[in-house]
Amino acid sequence: MLRFECDYTEGAHPRILEALIKTNREQTKGYGEDEFCETARKIIRLACGREDMNVHFLVGGTQANATVIASVLRPHQAVICAETGHIATHESGAVEATGHKVITLPSEDGKITAVQVKKLLDEHWSDPTREHCPQPAMVYISHPTETGLIYSKRELTALRRVCDNRNIPLYLDGARLGYALAADENDLFMADIAELCDLFYIGGTKVGAMFGEAVCICSEELDRDFRYHIKQHGGMLAKGRFLGIQFETLFKDGLYLEISRNAVSQAMRIKEAFQSAGCDFLYDSPTNQQFPIVNKAVRSELSKNYSFTIWKEMPGDKTAVRFVTSWATKEENVDTLVNDIKRICRLYGEKTPSWSVEMPE
């Protein structure tokens, strides 16, 4: 069985394992105050062009999101995100468990727009009974989104402008940030993100690390007491060196972007194979997540040798499925998959022209 259901099926990049073994017997301070973490902070600041930015290392994405959002919001405040946003769908109510409502906006592609956010904020602040409702006081986006799409610099700049007008922070979840940076159509780089976002995190768990995320805070005010919040929310690792060593390795010699490109290039091969077989896609993703729409027979045949995600049942005999590549995806495994896609779609695929995607009501 070849696995394509997520981008964390493998362990860690060999260079990370080598670095962990090499430094294993060295003695350091704990809780992220060691020299490895400090070196990693310096490298990340350099990559972002922000010497004034602070970097904190947390153990996972849910811990990062819950900790960041709870640290920013007051008890009566809420965070805005797309209805498909990770904090709204796949974190078991972690943000709500901290006492903050997640206000969702409708989205067909996983992104939210500046126009949507402005409308929601204007409606709240023009409501004479607004104190009876949670106050929207933060905007959350992910890049790439849960649908594999990416924000453009123009879109992020527009969101930044709306947030500035209402004096609320913009937070970017970068669990798969490397795969966004490696996309051919990307025009949004780390320096842009550090300039346009108040807070963001660089994903390690899904991009070559054994575990860990690097939370970057671009405001001294928002950074104040953040370590208290990390500790309180279970995100602080006693042996913090393990996080510092991993991010130091990922950001040395361009490794982070190099391995991200592998995932994207292999995903594009899978995308091309489904396209050539006449399949449509639920989303036109330029990153490592691909969402072809197949009939039940094709889905059944592919599932005999490949693991992938059933994403959405579509009208008729169709299912949107998700295939995901990673930093470690092997070219020969994609060769095998591509050949099977061609063979199976030829035998069990549609004989009519490609089906037009219609979202169910």
Protein backbone atom coordinates (compact mmCIF):
# COMPACT_ATOMS: atom_id res chain seq x y z
CA MET A 1 0.00 0.00 0.00
CA LEU A 2 1.41 3.37 -1.04
CA ARG A 3 0.20 6.20 1.17
CA PHE A 4 -0.98 9.54 -0.21
CA GLU A 5 -3.54 10.54 2.43
CA CYS A 6 -1.43 13.17 4.22
CA ASP A 7 1.99 14.82 4.34
CA TYR A 8 3.19 13.42 7.65
CA THR A 9 3.28 9.68 6.99
CA GLU A 10 7.09 9.67 7.01
CA GLY A 11 9.36 10.49 9.94
CA ALA A 12 11.94 13.25 9.53
CA HIS A 13 14.49 14.33 6.96
CA PRO A 14 17.80 12.40 7.33
CA ARG A 15 19.74 15.62 7.95
CA ILE A 16 17.54 16.33 10.96
CA LEU A 17 18.09 12.85 12.36
CA GLU A 18 21.83 13.22 11.83
CA ALA A 19 21.85 16.57 13.61
CA LEU A 20 19.87 15.17 16.54
CA ILE A 21 22.25 12.23 16.91
CA LYS A 22 25.34 14.40 16.54
CA THR A 23 24.24 16.75 19.34
CA ASN A 24 22.55 14.13 21.51
CA ARG A 25 25.05 14.11 24.39
CA GLU A 26 25.54 17.87 24.54
CA GLN A 27 24.16 19.60 27.62
CA THR A 28 21.95 22.65 27.12
CA LYS A 29 19.39 24.78 28.92
CA GLY A 30 15.77 23.66 28.63
CA TYR A 31 12.48 25.14 27.44
CA GLY A 32 13.78 26.68 24.22
CA GLU A 33 16.48 28.81 25.82
CA ASP A 34 19.37 26.81 24.40
CA GLU A 35 21.88 27.88 21.78
CA PHE A 36 20.29 25.72 19.06
CA CYS A 37 16.95 27.51 19.41
CA GLU A 38 18.70 30.86 19.42
CA THR A 39 20.60 30.02 16.24
CA ALA A 40 17.37 28.88 14.59
CA ARG A 41 15.70 32.14 15.61
CA LYS A 42 18.49 34.14 14.00
CA ILE A 43 18.29 32.15 10.75
CA ILE A 44 14.49 32.54 10.57
CA ARG A 45 14.69 36.27 11.28
CA LEU A 46 17.22 36.59 8.49
CA ALA A 47 14.98 34.65 6.08
CA CYS A 48 12.07 36.94 6.97
CA GLY A 49 14.07 40.15 6.95
CA ARG A 50 12.80 41.02 10.43
CA GLU A 51 15.43 41.46 13.14
CA ASP A 52 12.70 42.74 15.47
CA MET A 53 10.59 39.59 15.14
CA ASN A 54 10.50 37.06 17.96
CA VAL A 55 10.35 33.32 17.23
CA HIS A 56 8.91 30.69 19.56
CA PHE A 57 9.02 26.94 18.99
CA LEU A 58 5.92 24.90 19.83
CA VAL A 59 5.35 21.19 19.52
CA GLY A 60 2.43 21.13 17.07
CA GLY A 61 -0.05 23.05 14.94
CA THR A 62 -3.10 22.79 17.20
CA GLN A 63 -1.03 23.95 20.17
CA ALA A 64 0.28 26.84 18.07
CA ASN A 65 -3.18 27.96 16.92
CA ALA A 66 -4.87 27.65 20.30
CA THR A 67 -1.98 29.35 22.09
CA VAL A 68 -1.61 32.24 19.65
CA ILE A 69 -5.34 32.99 19.45
CA ALA A 70 -5.91 32.75 23.22
CA SER A 71 -2.91 34.99 23.88
CA VAL A 72 -4.27 37.75 21.64
CA LEU A 73 -7.99 37.79 22.38
CA ARG A 74 -9.75 39.10 25.47
CA PRO A 75 -12.52 36.93 26.97
CA HIS A 76 -15.34 38.59 24.97
CA GLN A 77 -13.55 38.45 21.62
CA ALA A 78 -13.66 36.02 18.67
CA VAL A 79 -11.54 35.05 15.67
CA ILE A 80 -12.69 35.14 12.04
CA CYS A 81 -11.82 32.39 9.54
CA ALA A 82 -13.13 30.52 6.50
CA GLU A 83 -15.74 27.85 7.19
CA THR A 84 -13.16 25.28 6.04
CA GLY A 85 -10.44 26.75 8.27
CA HIS A 86 -8.45 24.26 10.32
CA ILE A 87 -9.39 25.90 13.63
CA ALA A 88 -13.07 25.52 12.70
CA THR A 89 -13.02 21.96 11.42
CA HIS A 90 -10.10 19.81 12.56
CA GLU A 91 -8.94 20.90 16.00
CA SER A 92 -11.71 19.45 18.17
CA GLY A 93 -12.84 22.89 19.30
CA ALA A 94 -9.41 23.74 20.74
CA VAL A 95 -9.94 27.47 20.24
CA GLU A 96 -13.47 27.35 21.66
CA ALA A 97 -12.10 25.43 24.64
CA THR A 98 -10.02 28.51 25.48
CA GLY A 99 -13.26 30.52 25.65
CA HIS A 100 -13.23 32.17 22.22
CA LYS A 101 -15.79 31.75 19.47
CA VAL A 102 -14.67 31.00 15.92
CA ILE A 103 -16.76 33.07 13.50
CA THR A 104 -16.76 31.43 10.07
CA LEU A 105 -17.26 33.02 6.67
CA PRO A 106 -18.59 31.07 3.65
CA SER A 107 -15.95 30.00 1.18
CA GLU A 108 -16.07 27.82 -1.92
CA ASP A 109 -12.30 27.63 -2.30
CA GLY A 110 -11.01 27.75 1.29
CA LYS A 111 -10.01 31.41 1.15
CA ILE A 112 -11.65 34.48 2.65
CA THR A 113 -11.55 37.93 1.11
CA ALA A 114 -10.99 41.42 2.43
CA VAL A 115 -14.51 42.33 1.27
CA GLN A 116 -16.04 39.55 3.38
CA VAL A 117 -14.06 40.48 6.46
CA LYS A 118 -14.87 44.18 6.12
CA LYS A 119 -18.58 43.43 5.76
CA LEU A 120 -18.59 41.27 8.89
CA LEU A 121 -16.69 43.87 10.92
CA ASP A 122 -18.87 46.73 9.67
CA GLU A 123 -22.03 44.81 10.55
CA HIS A 124 -20.77 44.15 14.06
CA TRP A 125 -19.69 47.72 14.80
CA SER A 126 -22.86 49.23 13.34
CA ASP A 127 -25.08 47.00 15.48
CA PRO A 128 -26.43 49.03 18.44
CA THR A 129 -26.69 45.79 20.47
CA ARG A 130 -23.19 44.57 19.57
CA GLU A 131 -22.14 44.05 23.19
CA HIS A 132 -24.46 41.04 23.28
CA CYS A 133 -22.38 39.28 20.61
CA PRO A 134 -18.76 38.05 20.52
CA GLN A 135 -16.54 40.83 19.20
CA PRO A 136 -14.62 39.84 16.03
CA ALA A 137 -11.09 40.87 16.93
CA MET A 138 -8.68 38.73 14.91
CA VAL A 139 -8.45 37.29 11.38
CA TYR A 140 -7.10 33.77 10.81
CA ILE A 141 -6.07 32.40 7.41
CA SER A 142 -4.00 29.41 6.34
CA HIS A 143 -1.46 29.44 3.51
CA PRO A 144 -1.90 27.09 1.77
CA THR A 145 -5.54 26.63 2.67
CA GLU A 146 -7.18 23.31 3.52
CA THR A 147 -8.03 23.15 -0.18
CA GLY A 148 -4.40 23.51 -1.29
CA LEU A 149 -4.87 27.04 -2.64
CA ILE A 150 -2.61 29.98 -1.88
CA TYR A 151 -3.11 33.67 -1.24
CA SER A 152 -1.55 36.22 -3.56
CA LYS A 153 0.36 39.23 -2.29
CA ARG A 154 -2.51 41.42 -3.47
CA GLU A 155 -5.06 39.39 -1.49
CA LEU A 156 -2.97 39.40 1.67
CA THR A 157 -2.31 43.13 1.35
CA ALA A 158 -6.06 43.75 1.08
CA LEU A 159 -6.70 41.73 4.24
CA ARG A 160 -3.92 43.65 5.98
CA ARG A 161 -5.59 46.95 5.06
CA VAL A 162 -8.94 45.86 6.51
CA CYS A 163 -7.28 44.67 9.72
CA ASP A 164 -5.40 47.95 10.05
CA ASN A 165 -8.62 49.95 9.62
CA ARG A 166 -10.15 48.09 12.57
CA ASN A 167 -6.89 47.74 14.52
CA ILE A 168 -7.06 43.94 14.75
CA PRO A 169 -4.26 41.41 14.13
CA LEU A 170 -3.88 39.18 11.08
CA TYR A 171 -2.66 35.65 11.81
CA LEU A 172 -1.42 33.17 9.18
CA ASP A 173 -1.32 29.42 9.80
CA GLY A 174 1.68 28.12 7.85
CA ALA A 175 1.45 24.42 8.63
CA ARG A 176 2.25 23.75 4.94
CA LEU A 177 4.02 27.04 4.26
CA GLY A 178 6.91 25.41 2.42
CA TYR A 179 4.53 23.98 -0.18
CA ALA A 180 3.03 27.43 -0.80
CA LEU A 181 6.49 28.93 -1.25
CA ALA A 182 7.36 26.18 -3.74
CA ALA A 183 4.24 26.64 -5.90
CA ASP A 184 4.88 27.96 -9.41
CA GLU A 185 2.24 30.69 -9.15
CA ASN A 186 3.34 31.91 -5.72
CA ASP A 187 4.23 35.58 -5.40
CA LEU A 188 4.14 35.75 -1.61
CA PHE A 189 7.45 35.11 0.14
CA MET A 190 8.53 34.94 3.76
CA ALA A 191 9.57 38.60 3.89
CA ASP A 192 6.13 39.57 2.57
CA ILE A 193 4.39 37.42 5.16
CA ALA A 194 6.49 38.92 7.95
CA GLU A 195 5.62 42.40 6.72
CA LEU A 196 1.89 41.86 6.21
CA CYS A 197 1.01 39.57 9.15
CA ASP A 198 1.11 40.34 12.86
CA LEU A 199 1.67 36.68 13.67
CA PHE A 200 2.32 33.57 11.61
CA TYR A 201 3.88 30.17 12.03
CA ILE A 202 6.25 28.16 9.90
CA GLY A 203 5.21 24.53 9.75
CA GLY A 204 7.75 21.84 10.49
CA THR A 205 5.62 18.77 11.22
CA LYS A 206 4.32 18.58 7.63
CA VAL A 207 7.50 19.85 5.97
CA GLY A 208 10.36 17.58 6.98
CA ALA A 209 10.55 17.89 10.76
CA MET A 210 9.84 15.13 13.22
CA PHE A 211 7.50 17.58 14.94
CA GLY A 212 7.31 21.28 15.74
CA GLU A 213 6.21 24.69 14.49
CA ALA A 214 7.96 28.07 14.64
CA VAL A 215 5.58 30.83 15.77
CA CYS A 216 6.74 34.25 14.57
CA ILE A 217 5.42 37.36 16.31
CA CYS A 218 6.01 40.67 14.58
CA SER A 219 4.72 42.92 17.36
CA GLU A 220 6.36 43.59 20.71
CA GLU A 221 2.96 44.11 22.28
CA LEU A 222 1.61 40.75 21.08
CA ASP A 223 4.83 39.01 22.11
CA ARG A 224 4.62 40.20 25.71
CA ASP A 225 4.04 37.26 28.09
CA PHE A 226 3.68 34.83 25.19
CA ARG A 227 5.91 32.26 26.90
CA TYR A 228 3.42 32.15 29.79
CA HIS A 229 0.73 31.21 27.28
CA ILE A 230 2.91 28.54 25.67
CA LYS A 231 3.45 26.89 29.04
CA GLN A 232 -0.19 27.15 30.06
CA HIS A 233 -1.42 25.58 26.84
CA GLY A 234 0.96 22.62 26.84
CA GLY A 235 3.03 23.79 23.90
CA MET A 236 6.37 24.21 25.66
CA LEU A 237 8.85 21.36 25.30
CA ALA A 238 11.26 20.83 28.21
CA LYS A 239 13.90 19.53 25.80
CA GLY A 240 13.32 22.51 23.54
CA ARG A 241 16.66 21.89 21.83
CA PHE A 242 14.93 19.21 19.74
CA LEU A 243 12.86 21.96 18.11
CA GLY A 244 15.75 24.36 17.66
CA ILE A 245 17.98 21.72 16.06
CA GLN A 246 15.25 20.77 13.60
CA PHE A 247 14.53 24.32 12.45
CA GLU A 248 18.20 25.21 12.33
CA THR A 249 18.68 22.26 9.98
CA LEU A 250 15.62 23.03 7.86
CA PHE A 251 16.69 26.63 7.29
CA LYS A 252 20.32 25.90 6.63
CA ASP A 253 21.43 25.74 2.98
CA GLY A 254 17.87 26.15 1.67
CA LEU A 255 16.71 22.69 2.75
CA TYR A 256 13.18 23.81 3.65
CA LEU A 257 12.41 25.08 0.17
CA GLU A 258 14.33 22.27 -1.54
CA ILE A 259 12.26 19.50 0.04
CA SER A 260 9.04 21.48 -0.41
CA ARG A 261 9.71 21.65 -4.15
CA ASN A 262 9.89 17.86 -4.26
CA ALA A 263 6.38 17.56 -2.85
CA VAL A 264 4.94 20.11 -5.25
CA SER A 265 6.65 18.67 -8.34
CA GLN A 266 5.38 15.17 -7.55
CA ALA A 267 1.88 16.54 -6.89
CA MET A 268 1.90 18.22 -10.29
CA ARG A 269 2.69 14.89 -11.92
CA ILE A 270 -0.33 13.34 -10.19
CA LYS A 271 -2.48 16.30 -11.22
CA GLU A 272 -1.39 15.97 -14.85
CA ALA A 273 -2.15 12.24 -14.85
CA PHE A 274 -5.73 12.77 -13.67
CA GLN A 275 -6.18 15.68 -16.09
CA SER A 276 -4.93 13.57 -19.00
CA ALA A 277 -7.40 10.87 -18.00
CA GLY A 278 -10.26 13.37 -18.34
CA CYS A 279 -10.88 14.01 -14.65
CA ASP A 280 -12.04 17.35 -13.30
CA PHE A 281 -10.87 18.77 -9.97
CA LEU A 282 -12.74 20.14 -7.00
CA TYR A 283 -10.02 22.78 -6.53
CA ASP A 284 -7.27 23.92 -8.87
CA SER A 285 -4.51 23.50 -6.32
CA PRO A 286 -0.93 24.52 -7.15
CA THR A 287 0.50 22.85 -4.05
CA ASN A 288 0.98 19.35 -2.65
CA GLN A 289 -2.72 18.58 -2.16
CA GLN A 290 -4.71 17.49 -5.22
CA PHE A 291 -8.48 16.93 -5.39
CA PRO A 292 -9.47 14.94 -8.50
CA ILE A 293 -13.09 13.95 -9.05
CA VAL A 294 -13.51 10.29 -9.97
CA ASN A 295 -16.35 7.83 -10.32
CA LYS A 296 -16.95 5.10 -7.76
CA ALA A 297 -15.35 2.39 -9.89
CA VAL A 298 -12.10 4.33 -10.30
CA ARG A 299 -12.10 5.18 -6.61
CA SER A 300 -12.58 1.53 -5.67
CA GLU A 301 -9.81 0.28 -7.96
CA LEU A 302 -7.32 2.93 -6.78
CA SER A 303 -8.04 2.15 -3.13
CA LYS A 304 -6.77 -1.41 -3.56
CA ASN A 305 -3.16 -0.23 -3.68
CA TYR A 306 -3.22 3.41 -2.53
CA SER A 307 -4.44 5.21 0.55
CA PHE A 308 -6.03 8.61 -0.04
CA THR A 309 -8.80 10.71 1.50
CA ILE A 310 -12.46 10.67 0.54
CA TRP A 311 -13.01 14.44 0.51
CA LYS A 312 -16.54 15.12 -0.75
CA GLU A 313 -19.38 13.11 -2.25
CA MET A 314 -20.45 14.81 -5.47
CA PRO A 315 -23.64 14.59 -7.57
CA GLY A 316 -24.17 11.38 -9.47
CA ASP A 317 -21.57 8.67 -9.30
CA LYS A 318 -18.74 11.06 -8.42
CA THR A 319 -16.42 11.54 -5.45
CA ALA A 320 -13.82 14.21 -4.88
CA VAL A 321 -10.77 12.54 -3.36
CA ARG A 322 -7.52 13.99 -2.02
CA PHE A 323 -4.02 12.84 -2.89
CA VAL A 324 -1.22 14.44 -0.89
CA THR A 325 2.52 14.35 -1.49
CA SER A 326 5.24 15.26 0.97
CA TRP A 327 8.88 16.28 1.22
CA ALA A 328 9.70 12.55 1.21
CA THR A 329 7.48 11.33 -1.64
CA LYS A 330 9.50 9.04 -3.89
CA GLU A 331 9.52 9.57 -7.63
CA GLU A 332 9.23 5.84 -8.28
CA ASN A 333 6.08 5.65 -6.13
CA VAL A 334 4.52 8.45 -8.15
CA ASP A 335 5.59 6.65 -11.35
CA THR A 336 3.59 3.63 -10.19
CA LEU A 337 0.58 5.74 -9.23
CA VAL A 338 0.60 7.68 -12.50
CA ASN A 339 0.66 4.47 -14.53
CA ASP A 340 -2.22 3.07 -12.50
CA ILE A 341 -4.24 6.27 -12.88
CA LYS A 342 -3.89 5.99 -16.66
CA ARG A 343 -4.73 2.29 -16.71
CA ILE A 344 -7.65 2.43 -14.27
CA CYS A 345 -9.23 5.54 -15.74
CA ARG A 346 -8.96 4.02 -19.20
CA LEU A 347 -10.78 0.90 -18.01
CA TYR A 348 -13.30 2.39 -15.58
CA GLY A 349 -13.38 6.12 -16.34
CA GLU A 350 -15.97 8.17 -18.14
CA LYS A 351 -16.31 7.75 -21.89
CA THR A 352 -18.10 11.09 -22.24
CA PRO A 353 -16.53 14.57 -22.20
CA SER A 354 -15.17 15.71 -18.83
CA TRP A 355 -17.79 16.47 -16.21
CA SER A 356 -18.35 20.10 -15.15
CA VAL A 357 -17.97 20.68 -11.41
CA GLU A 358 -21.12 21.78 -9.65
CA MET A 359 -21.02 22.38 -5.92
CA PRO A 360 -23.95 20.77 -4.08
CA GLU A 361 -26.32 23.19 -2.38
